[in-house]
Amino acid sequence: MMPVHAALVNSSVMATGRDAVVLPYQFEPESDPEGEISEEGQTLRLQQGVSAWCTCGNCETMPTEAECVCCLEIPQVTRRLQEVDEDLTCMVDHPGFEPVCLNIYSLQNASQIYRADYGRLQLRGIHRRFRYLAYRSFVSWCWGFLGQRIRVVIPACVVLRIHREFPDAEGHYVGFKLALD
């Protein structure tokens, strides 16, 4: 009987004559389609009315296709909604949303945790800092810790509620950005 590590090596190496060729990506995890929205569904969202893609009733059209996502489309968010006995139709109505994402004392605590882990938060303006921390708190609450350079799209209804709570004086918001390598 062949040892386990030898079987793994043999399954990832293909012999070609005297030389062995390693087959790349043999043990890489496949992408997880959970939580992903098909490209066909996203490409038309800016052209469609909000009611075509929003089922919670609190979304508005966002600046980019990627940001036009309803809370009820994201499995990690709907899991949080199902934890509550009430029949909720939107994440912004969840009883935990305000204390976790909008309460300034919770956000001050999140700021201290951020500082301990990453250093001082380099954002000017209290509302801008609170918006950033509210987004981080929401992601942490629904997805858990994601790690560096791993980003997820926050539902439009949640982003808009955070904007209402911590508005930018000039109405300038960054929006979703892919992580740069």
C-alpha atoms as a PDB file:
ATOM      1  CA  MET A   1       0.000   0.000   0.000  1.00  0.00           C
ATOM      2  CA  MET A   2       1.269   3.460  -0.941  1.00  0.00           C
ATOM      3  CA  PRO A   3       1.721   6.108   1.792  1.00  0.00           C
ATOM      4  CA  VAL A   4      -0.854   8.933   1.722  1.00  0.00           C
ATOM      5  CA  HIS A   5       1.670  11.675   0.896  1.00  0.00           C
ATOM      6  CA  ALA A   6       3.043   9.577  -1.991  1.00  0.00           C
ATOM      7  CA  ALA A   7      -0.465   9.139  -3.369  1.00  0.00           C
ATOM      8  CA  LEU A   8      -0.949  12.906  -3.266  1.00  0.00           C
ATOM      9  CA  VAL A   9       2.361  13.501  -4.991  1.00  0.00           C
ATOM     10  CA  ASN A  10       1.604  10.866  -7.622  1.00  0.00           C
ATOM     11  CA  SER A  11      -1.854  12.349  -8.284  1.00  0.00           C
ATOM     12  CA  SER A  12      -0.416  15.816  -8.865  1.00  0.00           C
ATOM     13  CA  VAL A  13       2.576  14.720 -10.948  1.00  0.00           C
ATOM     14  CA  MET A  14       2.284  13.345 -14.438  1.00  0.00           C
ATOM     15  CA  ALA A  15       5.251  11.338 -15.674  1.00  0.00           C
ATOM     16  CA  THR A  16       6.429  12.171 -19.169  1.00  0.00           C
ATOM     17  CA  GLY A  17       9.388  10.036 -20.054  1.00  0.00           C
ATOM     18  CA  ARG A  18      12.263  10.680 -17.683  1.00  0.00           C
ATOM     19  CA  ASP A  19      10.947  14.041 -16.423  1.00  0.00           C
ATOM     20  CA  ALA A  20       8.018  14.574 -14.109  1.00  0.00           C
ATOM     21  CA  VAL A  21       5.652  17.472 -14.741  1.00  0.00           C
ATOM     22  CA  VAL A  22       3.800  19.033 -11.824  1.00  0.00           C
ATOM     23  CA  LEU A  23       0.206  19.854 -12.666  1.00  0.00           C
ATOM     24  CA  PRO A  24      -0.531  23.315 -11.251  1.00  0.00           C
ATOM     25  CA  TYR A  25      -3.596  24.238  -9.203  1.00  0.00           C
ATOM     26  CA  GLN A  26      -4.407  20.631  -8.276  1.00  0.00           C
ATOM     27  CA  PHE A  27      -5.176  21.473  -4.680  1.00  0.00           C
ATOM     28  CA  GLU A  28      -6.487  25.020  -5.023  1.00  0.00           C
ATOM     29  CA  PRO A  29     -10.002  25.522  -3.668  1.00  0.00           C
ATOM     30  CA  GLU A  30     -12.673  26.123  -6.242  1.00  0.00           C
ATOM     31  CA  SER A  31     -14.617  29.354  -6.100  1.00  0.00           C
ATOM     32  CA  ASP A  32     -17.644  29.375  -3.867  1.00  0.00           C
ATOM     33  CA  PRO A  33     -20.645  30.606  -5.844  1.00  0.00           C
ATOM     34  CA  GLU A  34     -22.614  31.206  -2.621  1.00  0.00           C
ATOM     35  CA  GLY A  35     -23.404  34.864  -2.342  1.00  0.00           C
ATOM     36  CA  GLU A  36     -22.350  35.665  -5.894  1.00  0.00           C
ATOM     37  CA  ILE A  37     -24.825  37.237  -8.253  1.00  0.00           C
ATOM     38  CA  SER A  38     -24.704  36.218 -11.887  1.00  0.00           C
ATOM     39  CA  GLU A  39     -23.176  38.724 -14.290  1.00  0.00           C
ATOM     40  CA  GLU A  40     -26.327  38.686 -16.407  1.00  0.00           C
ATOM     41  CA  GLY A  41     -28.358  39.769 -13.392  1.00  0.00           C
ATOM     42  CA  GLN A  42     -25.970  42.564 -12.495  1.00  0.00           C
ATOM     43  CA  THR A  43     -25.276  44.100 -15.884  1.00  0.00           C
ATOM     44  CA  LEU A  44     -28.768  45.494 -16.285  1.00  0.00           C
ATOM     45  CA  ARG A  45     -29.341  46.841 -12.806  1.00  0.00           C
ATOM     46  CA  LEU A  46     -28.359  50.426 -13.544  1.00  0.00           C
ATOM     47  CA  GLN A  47     -30.740  50.409 -16.505  1.00  0.00           C
ATOM     48  CA  GLN A  48     -33.626  48.784 -14.641  1.00  0.00           C
ATOM     49  CA  GLY A  49     -35.880  50.276 -12.054  1.00  0.00           C
ATOM     50  CA  VAL A  50     -34.988  49.485  -8.454  1.00  0.00           C
ATOM     51  CA  SER A  51     -38.089  47.321  -8.081  1.00  0.00           C
ATOM     52  CA  ALA A  52     -36.633  44.892 -10.643  1.00  0.00           C
ATOM     53  CA  TRP A  53     -33.797  43.868  -8.297  1.00  0.00           C
ATOM     54  CA  CYS A  54     -34.715  45.092  -4.795  1.00  0.00           C
ATOM     55  CA  THR A  55     -37.083  42.899  -2.817  1.00  0.00           C
ATOM     56  CA  CYS A  56     -36.750  44.588   0.607  1.00  0.00           C
ATOM     57  CA  GLY A  57     -38.200  47.927  -0.533  1.00  0.00           C
ATOM     58  CA  ASN A  58     -35.411  50.087   0.933  1.00  0.00           C
ATOM     59  CA  CYS A  59     -32.800  50.068  -1.844  1.00  0.00           C
ATOM     60  CA  GLU A  60     -32.073  52.806  -4.349  1.00  0.00           C
ATOM     61  CA  THR A  61     -29.990  52.719  -7.501  1.00  0.00           C
ATOM     62  CA  MET A  62     -26.332  52.959  -6.559  1.00  0.00           C
ATOM     63  CA  PRO A  63     -23.479  54.481  -8.616  1.00  0.00           C
ATOM     64  CA  THR A  64     -22.193  51.139  -9.980  1.00  0.00           C
ATOM     65  CA  GLU A  65     -23.685  47.812 -11.058  1.00  0.00           C
ATOM     66  CA  ALA A  66     -21.774  45.955  -8.345  1.00  0.00           C
ATOM     67  CA  GLU A  67     -23.349  48.091  -5.605  1.00  0.00           C
ATOM     68  CA  CYS A  68     -26.923  47.494  -6.778  1.00  0.00           C
ATOM     69  CA  VAL A  69     -27.549  44.542  -4.489  1.00  0.00           C
ATOM     70  CA  CYS A  70     -30.472  43.953  -2.145  1.00  0.00           C
ATOM     71  CA  CYS A  71     -29.933  42.544   1.348  1.00  0.00           C
ATOM     72  CA  LEU A  72     -32.254  39.630   0.578  1.00  0.00           C
ATOM     73  CA  GLU A  73     -29.919  38.439  -2.214  1.00  0.00           C
ATOM     74  CA  ILE A  74     -26.951  37.800   0.054  1.00  0.00           C
ATOM     75  CA  PRO A  75     -26.990  34.503   1.990  1.00  0.00           C
ATOM     76  CA  GLN A  76     -24.780  35.825   4.816  1.00  0.00           C
ATOM     77  CA  VAL A  77     -27.248  38.665   5.399  1.00  0.00           C
ATOM     78  CA  THR A  78     -30.390  36.552   5.126  1.00  0.00           C
ATOM     79  CA  ARG A  79     -28.919  34.173   7.719  1.00  0.00           C
ATOM     80  CA  ARG A  80     -28.794  37.090  10.162  1.00  0.00           C
ATOM     81  CA  LEU A  81     -32.397  37.974   9.317  1.00  0.00           C
ATOM     82  CA  GLN A  82     -33.501  34.392  10.002  1.00  0.00           C
ATOM     83  CA  GLU A  83     -32.018  34.507  13.510  1.00  0.00           C
ATOM     84  CA  VAL A  84     -34.826  36.813  14.597  1.00  0.00           C
ATOM     85  CA  ASP A  85     -38.303  35.526  15.423  1.00  0.00           C
ATOM     86  CA  GLU A  86     -39.924  38.460  13.633  1.00  0.00           C
ATOM     87  CA  ASP A  87     -40.675  38.256   9.905  1.00  0.00           C
ATOM     88  CA  LEU A  88     -38.297  40.984   8.721  1.00  0.00           C
ATOM     89  CA  THR A  89     -38.186  42.165   5.116  1.00  0.00           C
ATOM     90  CA  CYS A  90     -34.986  44.241   5.301  1.00  0.00           C
ATOM     91  CA  MET A  91     -31.699  44.134   7.168  1.00  0.00           C
ATOM     92  CA  VAL A  92     -32.037  47.760   8.292  1.00  0.00           C
ATOM     93  CA  ASP A  93     -35.080  46.667  10.348  1.00  0.00           C
ATOM     94  CA  HIS A  94     -33.121  43.952  12.185  1.00  0.00           C
ATOM     95  CA  PRO A  95     -33.062  44.734  15.935  1.00  0.00           C
ATOM     96  CA  GLY A  96     -29.283  44.228  15.985  1.00  0.00           C
ATOM     97  CA  PHE A  97     -28.515  46.584  13.098  1.00  0.00           C
ATOM     98  CA  GLU A  98     -28.652  49.833  15.070  1.00  0.00           C
ATOM     99  CA  PRO A  99     -26.613  48.658  18.081  1.00  0.00           C
ATOM    100  CA  VAL A 100     -23.956  46.981  15.928  1.00  0.00           C
ATOM    101  CA  CYS A 101     -23.646  49.419  13.031  1.00  0.00           C
ATOM    102  CA  LEU A 102     -25.101  52.804  14.003  1.00  0.00           C
ATOM    103  CA  ASN A 103     -24.563  53.218  17.737  1.00  0.00           C
ATOM    104  CA  ILE A 104     -21.705  55.692  18.211  1.00  0.00           C
ATOM    105  CA  TYR A 105     -20.499  53.961  21.372  1.00  0.00           C
ATOM    106  CA  SER A 106     -20.195  50.645  19.531  1.00  0.00           C
ATOM    107  CA  LEU A 107     -18.374  52.433  16.721  1.00  0.00           C
ATOM    108  CA  GLN A 108     -16.021  54.115  19.192  1.00  0.00           C
ATOM    109  CA  ASN A 109     -15.242  50.661  20.545  1.00  0.00           C
ATOM    110  CA  ALA A 110     -14.700  49.379  16.986  1.00  0.00           C
ATOM    111  CA  SER A 111     -12.302  52.286  16.476  1.00  0.00           C
ATOM    112  CA  GLN A 112     -10.244  51.225  19.486  1.00  0.00           C
ATOM    113  CA  ILE A 113     -10.109  47.644  18.240  1.00  0.00           C
ATOM    114  CA  TYR A 114      -9.071  48.885  14.790  1.00  0.00           C
ATOM    115  CA  ARG A 115      -6.333  51.015  16.355  1.00  0.00           C
ATOM    116  CA  ALA A 116      -4.983  48.062  18.363  1.00  0.00           C
ATOM    117  CA  ASP A 117      -4.888  45.846  15.253  1.00  0.00           C
ATOM    118  CA  TYR A 118      -3.875  48.258  12.471  1.00  0.00           C
ATOM    119  CA  GLY A 119      -2.866  51.574  14.004  1.00  0.00           C
ATOM    120  CA  ARG A 120      -4.598  54.919  13.828  1.00  0.00           C
ATOM    121  CA  LEU A 121      -7.503  55.187  11.377  1.00  0.00           C
ATOM    122  CA  GLN A 122      -6.348  57.630   8.697  1.00  0.00           C
ATOM    123  CA  LEU A 123      -9.689  59.241   7.852  1.00  0.00           C
ATOM    124  CA  ARG A 124     -10.537  62.875   8.523  1.00  0.00           C
ATOM    125  CA  GLY A 125     -13.959  63.846   9.808  1.00  0.00           C
ATOM    126  CA  ILE A 126     -16.018  62.068  12.424  1.00  0.00           C
ATOM    127  CA  HIS A 127     -18.822  61.075  10.016  1.00  0.00           C
ATOM    128  CA  ARG A 128     -16.364  59.609   7.531  1.00  0.00           C
ATOM    129  CA  ARG A 129     -14.715  57.548  10.286  1.00  0.00           C
ATOM    130  CA  PHE A 130     -18.080  56.391  11.621  1.00  0.00           C
ATOM    131  CA  ARG A 131     -19.243  55.404   8.106  1.00  0.00           C
ATOM    132  CA  TYR A 132     -16.088  53.354   7.599  1.00  0.00           C
ATOM    133  CA  LEU A 133     -16.428  51.693  10.998  1.00  0.00           C
ATOM    134  CA  ALA A 134     -20.150  51.045  10.412  1.00  0.00           C
ATOM    135  CA  TYR A 135     -19.334  49.263   7.122  1.00  0.00           C
ATOM    136  CA  ARG A 136     -16.636  47.201   8.870  1.00  0.00           C
ATOM    137  CA  SER A 137     -18.986  46.365  11.728  1.00  0.00           C
ATOM    138  CA  PHE A 138     -21.709  45.237   9.339  1.00  0.00           C
ATOM    139  CA  VAL A 139     -19.319  43.030   7.374  1.00  0.00           C
ATOM    140  CA  SER A 140     -17.870  41.543  10.547  1.00  0.00           C
ATOM    141  CA  TRP A 141     -21.366  40.890  11.906  1.00  0.00           C
ATOM    142  CA  CYS A 142     -22.590  39.100   8.769  1.00  0.00           C
ATOM    143  CA  TRP A 143     -19.449  37.514   7.283  1.00  0.00           C
ATOM    144  CA  GLY A 144     -17.066  37.345  10.214  1.00  0.00           C
ATOM    145  CA  PHE A 145     -13.401  38.193   9.777  1.00  0.00           C
ATOM    146  CA  LEU A 146     -12.477  38.213   6.081  1.00  0.00           C
ATOM    147  CA  GLY A 147      -8.775  39.029   6.162  1.00  0.00           C
ATOM    148  CA  GLN A 148      -6.752  41.617   4.307  1.00  0.00           C
ATOM    149  CA  ARG A 149      -7.721  42.558   0.775  1.00  0.00           C
ATOM    150  CA  ILE A 150     -10.918  40.499   0.859  1.00  0.00           C
ATOM    151  CA  ARG A 151     -13.925  42.685   0.240  1.00  0.00           C
ATOM    152  CA  VAL A 152     -17.633  42.104  -0.135  1.00  0.00           C
ATOM    153  CA  VAL A 153     -20.384  44.310  -1.488  1.00  0.00           C
ATOM    154  CA  ILE A 154     -22.619  45.709   1.231  1.00  0.00           C
ATOM    155  CA  PRO A 155     -26.327  45.778   0.299  1.00  0.00           C
ATOM    156  CA  ALA A 156     -27.609  49.081  -1.040  1.00  0.00           C
ATOM    157  CA  CYS A 157     -30.221  49.460   1.725  1.00  0.00           C
ATOM    158  CA  VAL A 158     -27.543  49.092   4.410  1.00  0.00           C
ATOM    159  CA  VAL A 159     -25.180  51.560   2.704  1.00  0.00           C
ATOM    160  CA  LEU A 160     -27.978  54.107   2.340  1.00  0.00           C
ATOM    161  CA  ARG A 161     -29.003  53.753   5.996  1.00  0.00           C
ATOM    162  CA  ILE A 162     -25.403  54.292   7.094  1.00  0.00           C
ATOM    163  CA  HIS A 163     -25.193  57.330   4.785  1.00  0.00           C
ATOM    164  CA  ARG A 164     -28.325  58.798   6.389  1.00  0.00           C
ATOM    165  CA  GLU A 165     -26.892  58.294   9.869  1.00  0.00           C
ATOM    166  CA  PHE A 166     -23.402  59.620   9.024  1.00  0.00           C
ATOM    167  CA  PRO A 167     -23.808  61.874   5.972  1.00  0.00           C
ATOM    168  CA  ASP A 168     -21.019  63.510   4.029  1.00  0.00           C
ATOM    169  CA  ALA A 169     -21.551  67.285   4.035  1.00  0.00           C
ATOM    170  CA  GLU A 170     -20.921  67.452   0.269  1.00  0.00           C
ATOM    171  CA  GLY A 171     -22.623  64.161  -0.611  1.00  0.00           C
ATOM    172  CA  HIS A 172     -19.359  62.552  -1.775  1.00  0.00           C
ATOM    173  CA  TYR A 173     -19.113  58.835  -1.070  1.00  0.00           C
ATOM    174  CA  VAL A 174     -16.378  56.463  -2.178  1.00  0.00           C
ATOM    175  CA  GLY A 175     -18.474  53.413  -3.013  1.00  0.00           C
ATOM    176  CA  PHE A 176     -17.268  49.847  -3.445  1.00  0.00           C
ATOM    177  CA  LYS A 177     -13.667  49.374  -4.540  1.00  0.00           C
ATOM    178  CA  LEU A 178     -12.008  46.094  -5.387  1.00  0.00           C
ATOM    179  CA  ALA A 179      -8.952  45.281  -3.318  1.00  0.00           C
ATOM    180  CA  LEU A 180      -5.672  46.139  -4.987  1.00  0.00           C
ATOM    181  CA  ASP A 181      -2.964  43.485  -4.857  1.00  0.00           C
END
